[in-house]
Amino acid sequence: MQSLAEQQNYNFIMLINMLLFLTALICSLICGSFANITPVQIEVYEKEGEKVTLSCNYSSASTLQWYRQYPGSVPEFLLVIIPSTGKVSQKSEIVDRDPRFSGKVNEKKTHVYLEISTAKVTDSAMYYCALVPTVTGNTRTLYKNSLRNTV
């Protein structure tokens, strides 16, 4: 049987462990909610054959992704970059087949870049930078009939 002092010591240790757990949980929820990513420029124009650099500012990301979307199509995954190493960790078949596409982060780990070394007219599309995990849903376009109120 435990003495009163041992029981109080055990209760104190359990209380400290619970407080540490709650602090870590709250920090992960709050810190995670401050992660964001925004494009540096909304639109980028360049001549065919020129180098194109797209960039986004980000904070507290474990991995970053780039996507491309043509009008009327679903977004296509391009690549994943690990900010801590600055290296591309995963490439899509698109990027594997076309070495003109590359990704990197700046030294301060605040900007992520997608570079297209020699632009082609077919590169004209919407490009997205994203934090991971990225949630994707239904990739089909839904049309609403406003007269019948149906989807």
C-alpha atoms as a PDB file:
ATOM      1  CA  MET A   1       0.000   0.000   0.000  1.00  0.00           C
ATOM      2  CA  GLN A   2       1.261   3.489  -0.868  1.00  0.00           C
ATOM      3  CA  SER A   3       1.871   6.136   1.724  1.00  0.00           C
ATOM      4  CA  LEU A   4       0.086   9.476   1.517  1.00  0.00           C
ATOM      5  CA  ALA A   5       3.310  11.169   0.306  1.00  0.00           C
ATOM      6  CA  GLU A   6       3.776   8.591  -2.467  1.00  0.00           C
ATOM      7  CA  GLN A   7       0.146   8.991  -3.571  1.00  0.00           C
ATOM      8  CA  GLN A   8       0.483  12.790  -3.640  1.00  0.00           C
ATOM      9  CA  ASN A   9       3.729  12.505  -5.623  1.00  0.00           C
ATOM     10  CA  TYR A  10       2.033  10.156  -8.115  1.00  0.00           C
ATOM     11  CA  ASN A  11      -0.941  12.527  -8.470  1.00  0.00           C
ATOM     12  CA  PHE A  12       1.409  15.474  -9.012  1.00  0.00           C
ATOM     13  CA  ILE A  13       3.316  13.614 -11.768  1.00  0.00           C
ATOM     14  CA  MET A  14       0.038  12.629 -13.457  1.00  0.00           C
ATOM     15  CA  LEU A  15      -1.140  16.255 -13.312  1.00  0.00           C
ATOM     16  CA  ILE A  16       2.118  17.484 -14.877  1.00  0.00           C
ATOM     17  CA  ASN A  17       1.877  14.847 -17.633  1.00  0.00           C
ATOM     18  CA  MET A  18      -1.720  15.837 -18.347  1.00  0.00           C
ATOM     19  CA  LEU A  19      -0.789  19.529 -18.510  1.00  0.00           C
ATOM     20  CA  LEU A  20       2.105  18.777 -20.868  1.00  0.00           C
ATOM     21  CA  PHE A  21      -0.188  16.734 -23.099  1.00  0.00           C
ATOM     22  CA  LEU A  22      -2.850  19.465 -23.166  1.00  0.00           C
ATOM     23  CA  THR A  23      -0.225  22.135 -23.885  1.00  0.00           C
ATOM     24  CA  ALA A  24       1.149  20.103 -26.798  1.00  0.00           C
ATOM     25  CA  LEU A  25      -2.358  19.474 -28.123  1.00  0.00           C
ATOM     26  CA  ILE A  26      -3.363  23.138 -27.929  1.00  0.00           C
ATOM     27  CA  CYS A  27      -0.086  24.255 -29.513  1.00  0.00           C
ATOM     28  CA  SER A  28      -0.480  21.820 -32.394  1.00  0.00           C
ATOM     29  CA  LEU A  29      -4.021  23.051 -33.035  1.00  0.00           C
ATOM     30  CA  ILE A  30      -3.115  26.740 -32.795  1.00  0.00           C
ATOM     31  CA  CYS A  31       0.232  26.541 -34.592  1.00  0.00           C
ATOM     32  CA  GLY A  32      -1.259  24.431 -37.359  1.00  0.00           C
ATOM     33  CA  SER A  33      -4.035  26.925 -37.923  1.00  0.00           C
ATOM     34  CA  PHE A  34      -1.530  29.689 -38.704  1.00  0.00           C
ATOM     35  CA  ALA A  35       0.011  27.820 -41.639  1.00  0.00           C
ATOM     36  CA  ASN A  36      -0.796  29.575 -44.879  1.00  0.00           C
ATOM     37  CA  ILE A  37       0.326  29.939 -48.453  1.00  0.00           C
ATOM     38  CA  THR A  38      -0.351  32.785 -50.879  1.00  0.00           C
ATOM     39  CA  PRO A  39       0.784  33.495 -54.439  1.00  0.00           C
ATOM     40  CA  VAL A  40       3.267  36.346 -54.889  1.00  0.00           C
ATOM     41  CA  GLN A  41       1.657  37.343 -58.203  1.00  0.00           C
ATOM     42  CA  ILE A  42      -1.893  36.530 -59.256  1.00  0.00           C
ATOM     43  CA  GLU A  43      -1.026  36.516 -62.967  1.00  0.00           C
ATOM     44  CA  VAL A  44       2.278  35.972 -64.744  1.00  0.00           C
ATOM     45  CA  TYR A  45       2.835  36.721 -68.429  1.00  0.00           C
ATOM     46  CA  GLU A  46       5.899  35.661 -70.393  1.00  0.00           C
ATOM     47  CA  LYS A  47       6.895  35.184 -74.027  1.00  0.00           C
ATOM     48  CA  GLU A  48       7.224  31.743 -75.556  1.00  0.00           C
ATOM     49  CA  GLY A  49      10.750  30.413 -75.058  1.00  0.00           C
ATOM     50  CA  GLU A  50      11.401  32.515 -71.928  1.00  0.00           C
ATOM     51  CA  LYS A  51      11.891  31.239 -68.370  1.00  0.00           C
ATOM     52  CA  VAL A  52       8.797  31.481 -66.154  1.00  0.00           C
ATOM     53  CA  THR A  53       9.019  31.561 -62.358  1.00  0.00           C
ATOM     54  CA  LEU A  54       5.884  31.200 -60.259  1.00  0.00           C
ATOM     55  CA  SER A  55       6.211  31.770 -56.515  1.00  0.00           C
ATOM     56  CA  CYS A  56       4.216  31.610 -53.311  1.00  0.00           C
ATOM     57  CA  ASN A  57       4.912  32.806 -49.778  1.00  0.00           C
ATOM     58  CA  TYR A  58       4.300  30.170 -47.116  1.00  0.00           C
ATOM     59  CA  SER A  59       4.657  29.580 -43.397  1.00  0.00           C
ATOM     60  CA  SER A  60       5.116  26.438 -41.309  1.00  0.00           C
ATOM     61  CA  ALA A  61       4.740  23.769 -43.973  1.00  0.00           C
ATOM     62  CA  SER A  62       6.031  20.225 -43.786  1.00  0.00           C
ATOM     63  CA  THR A  63       5.595  19.726 -47.525  1.00  0.00           C
ATOM     64  CA  LEU A  64       4.487  21.890 -50.445  1.00  0.00           C
ATOM     65  CA  GLN A  65       2.766  20.931 -53.677  1.00  0.00           C
ATOM     66  CA  TRP A  66       2.313  22.423 -57.130  1.00  0.00           C
ATOM     67  CA  TYR A  67      -0.691  21.713 -59.368  1.00  0.00           C
ATOM     68  CA  ARG A  68      -1.662  22.805 -62.883  1.00  0.00           C
ATOM     69  CA  GLN A  69      -5.209  23.184 -64.174  1.00  0.00           C
ATOM     70  CA  TYR A  70      -6.330  23.775 -67.735  1.00  0.00           C
ATOM     71  CA  PRO A  71      -9.735  25.414 -68.314  1.00  0.00           C
ATOM     72  CA  GLY A  72     -12.536  22.855 -68.003  1.00  0.00           C
ATOM     73  CA  SER A  73     -10.197  20.184 -66.598  1.00  0.00           C
ATOM     74  CA  VAL A  74      -9.345  18.850 -63.152  1.00  0.00           C
ATOM     75  CA  PRO A  75      -6.135  19.983 -61.389  1.00  0.00           C
ATOM     76  CA  GLU A  76      -3.049  17.911 -62.272  1.00  0.00           C
ATOM     77  CA  PHE A  77      -0.463  17.167 -59.600  1.00  0.00           C
ATOM     78  CA  LEU A  78       3.031  18.334 -60.618  1.00  0.00           C
ATOM     79  CA  LEU A  79       5.429  17.940 -57.693  1.00  0.00           C
ATOM     80  CA  VAL A  80       6.063  17.906 -53.932  1.00  0.00           C
ATOM     81  CA  ILE A  81       8.844  19.898 -52.258  1.00  0.00           C
ATOM     82  CA  ILE A  82      10.176  19.340 -48.729  1.00  0.00           C
ATOM     83  CA  PRO A  83      10.923  22.834 -47.325  1.00  0.00           C
ATOM     84  CA  SER A  84      13.446  21.614 -44.739  1.00  0.00           C
ATOM     85  CA  THR A  85      15.691  20.181 -47.476  1.00  0.00           C
ATOM     86  CA  GLY A  86      14.573  22.396 -50.347  1.00  0.00           C
ATOM     87  CA  LYS A  87      14.404  19.290 -52.530  1.00  0.00           C
ATOM     88  CA  VAL A  88      11.683  17.917 -54.764  1.00  0.00           C
ATOM     89  CA  SER A  89      10.601  14.667 -53.133  1.00  0.00           C
ATOM     90  CA  GLN A  90       7.967  13.503 -55.585  1.00  0.00           C
ATOM     91  CA  LYS A  91       7.295  14.257 -59.251  1.00  0.00           C
ATOM     92  CA  SER A  92       4.320  13.489 -61.432  1.00  0.00           C
ATOM     93  CA  GLU A  93       4.642  11.747 -64.783  1.00  0.00           C
ATOM     94  CA  ILE A  94       4.157  15.172 -66.360  1.00  0.00           C
ATOM     95  CA  VAL A  95       7.313  16.526 -64.705  1.00  0.00           C
ATOM     96  CA  ASP A  96       9.232  13.271 -65.271  1.00  0.00           C
ATOM     97  CA  ARG A  97       8.531  13.517 -69.012  1.00  0.00           C
ATOM     98  CA  ASP A  98       9.177  17.250 -69.213  1.00  0.00           C
ATOM     99  CA  PRO A  99      12.427  18.404 -67.555  1.00  0.00           C
ATOM    100  CA  ARG A 100      11.494  22.055 -68.134  1.00  0.00           C
ATOM    101  CA  PHE A 101       9.572  21.952 -64.825  1.00  0.00           C
ATOM    102  CA  SER A 102      11.456  22.250 -61.525  1.00  0.00           C
ATOM    103  CA  GLY A 103      10.692  23.317 -57.978  1.00  0.00           C
ATOM    104  CA  LYS A 104      12.643  24.792 -55.089  1.00  0.00           C
ATOM    105  CA  VAL A 105      12.406  26.952 -51.955  1.00  0.00           C
ATOM    106  CA  ASN A 106      14.456  30.008 -51.010  1.00  0.00           C
ATOM    107  CA  GLU A 107      17.191  29.867 -48.348  1.00  0.00           C
ATOM    108  CA  LYS A 108      14.977  31.445 -45.678  1.00  0.00           C
ATOM    109  CA  LYS A 109      12.299  28.786 -46.336  1.00  0.00           C
ATOM    110  CA  THR A 110       9.585  31.413 -46.912  1.00  0.00           C
ATOM    111  CA  HIS A 111       9.022  31.176 -50.700  1.00  0.00           C
ATOM    112  CA  VAL A 112       8.348  28.159 -52.901  1.00  0.00           C
ATOM    113  CA  TYR A 113       9.013  28.335 -56.641  1.00  0.00           C
ATOM    114  CA  LEU A 114       7.871  26.491 -59.731  1.00  0.00           C
ATOM    115  CA  GLU A 115      10.129  27.165 -62.692  1.00  0.00           C
ATOM    116  CA  ILE A 116       9.417  26.443 -66.339  1.00  0.00           C
ATOM    117  CA  SER A 117      12.756  26.799 -68.109  1.00  0.00           C
ATOM    118  CA  THR A 118      11.418  27.382 -71.634  1.00  0.00           C
ATOM    119  CA  ALA A 119       7.774  28.436 -71.791  1.00  0.00           C
ATOM    120  CA  LYS A 120       5.441  26.997 -74.404  1.00  0.00           C
ATOM    121  CA  VAL A 121       1.978  28.208 -75.349  1.00  0.00           C
ATOM    122  CA  THR A 122       0.639  24.891 -73.994  1.00  0.00           C
ATOM    123  CA  ASP A 123       1.927  25.861 -70.526  1.00  0.00           C
ATOM    124  CA  SER A 124      -0.820  28.494 -70.303  1.00  0.00           C
ATOM    125  CA  ALA A 125      -2.920  27.305 -67.362  1.00  0.00           C
ATOM    126  CA  MET A 126      -3.828  28.014 -63.753  1.00  0.00           C
ATOM    127  CA  TYR A 127      -1.054  26.901 -61.383  1.00  0.00           C
ATOM    128  CA  TYR A 128      -1.669  26.257 -57.688  1.00  0.00           C
ATOM    129  CA  CYS A 129       0.734  26.082 -54.784  1.00  0.00           C
ATOM    130  CA  ALA A 130      -0.594  24.178 -51.781  1.00  0.00           C
ATOM    131  CA  LEU A 131       0.324  23.108 -48.273  1.00  0.00           C
ATOM    132  CA  VAL A 132       0.160  19.434 -47.451  1.00  0.00           C
ATOM    133  CA  PRO A 133      -2.061  17.782 -46.468  1.00  0.00           C
ATOM    134  CA  THR A 134      -4.268  19.007 -49.263  1.00  0.00           C
ATOM    135  CA  VAL A 135      -7.824  17.750 -49.363  1.00  0.00           C
ATOM    136  CA  THR A 136      -9.301  17.084 -52.764  1.00  0.00           C
ATOM    137  CA  GLY A 137     -12.924  16.335 -53.316  1.00  0.00           C
ATOM    138  CA  ASN A 138     -15.175  15.715 -56.256  1.00  0.00           C
ATOM    139  CA  THR A 139     -13.237  16.728 -59.356  1.00  0.00           C
ATOM    140  CA  ARG A 140     -16.310  16.847 -61.618  1.00  0.00           C
ATOM    141  CA  THR A 141     -17.949  20.184 -62.309  1.00  0.00           C
ATOM    142  CA  LEU A 142     -21.439  20.468 -60.872  1.00  0.00           C
ATOM    143  CA  TYR A 143     -24.033  22.545 -62.675  1.00  0.00           C
ATOM    144  CA  LYS A 144     -27.079  23.866 -60.868  1.00  0.00           C
ATOM    145  CA  ASN A 145     -30.384  24.270 -62.648  1.00  0.00           C
ATOM    146  CA  SER A 146     -31.673  27.446 -61.003  1.00  0.00           C
ATOM    147  CA  LEU A 147     -35.178  26.994 -62.449  1.00  0.00           C
ATOM    148  CA  ARG A 148     -35.719  23.560 -60.922  1.00  0.00           C
ATOM    149  CA  ASN A 149     -33.305  24.038 -58.015  1.00  0.00           C
ATOM    150  CA  THR A 150     -31.502  20.774 -58.787  1.00  0.00           C
ATOM    151  CA  VAL A 151     -27.887  19.856 -59.141  1.00  0.00           C
END
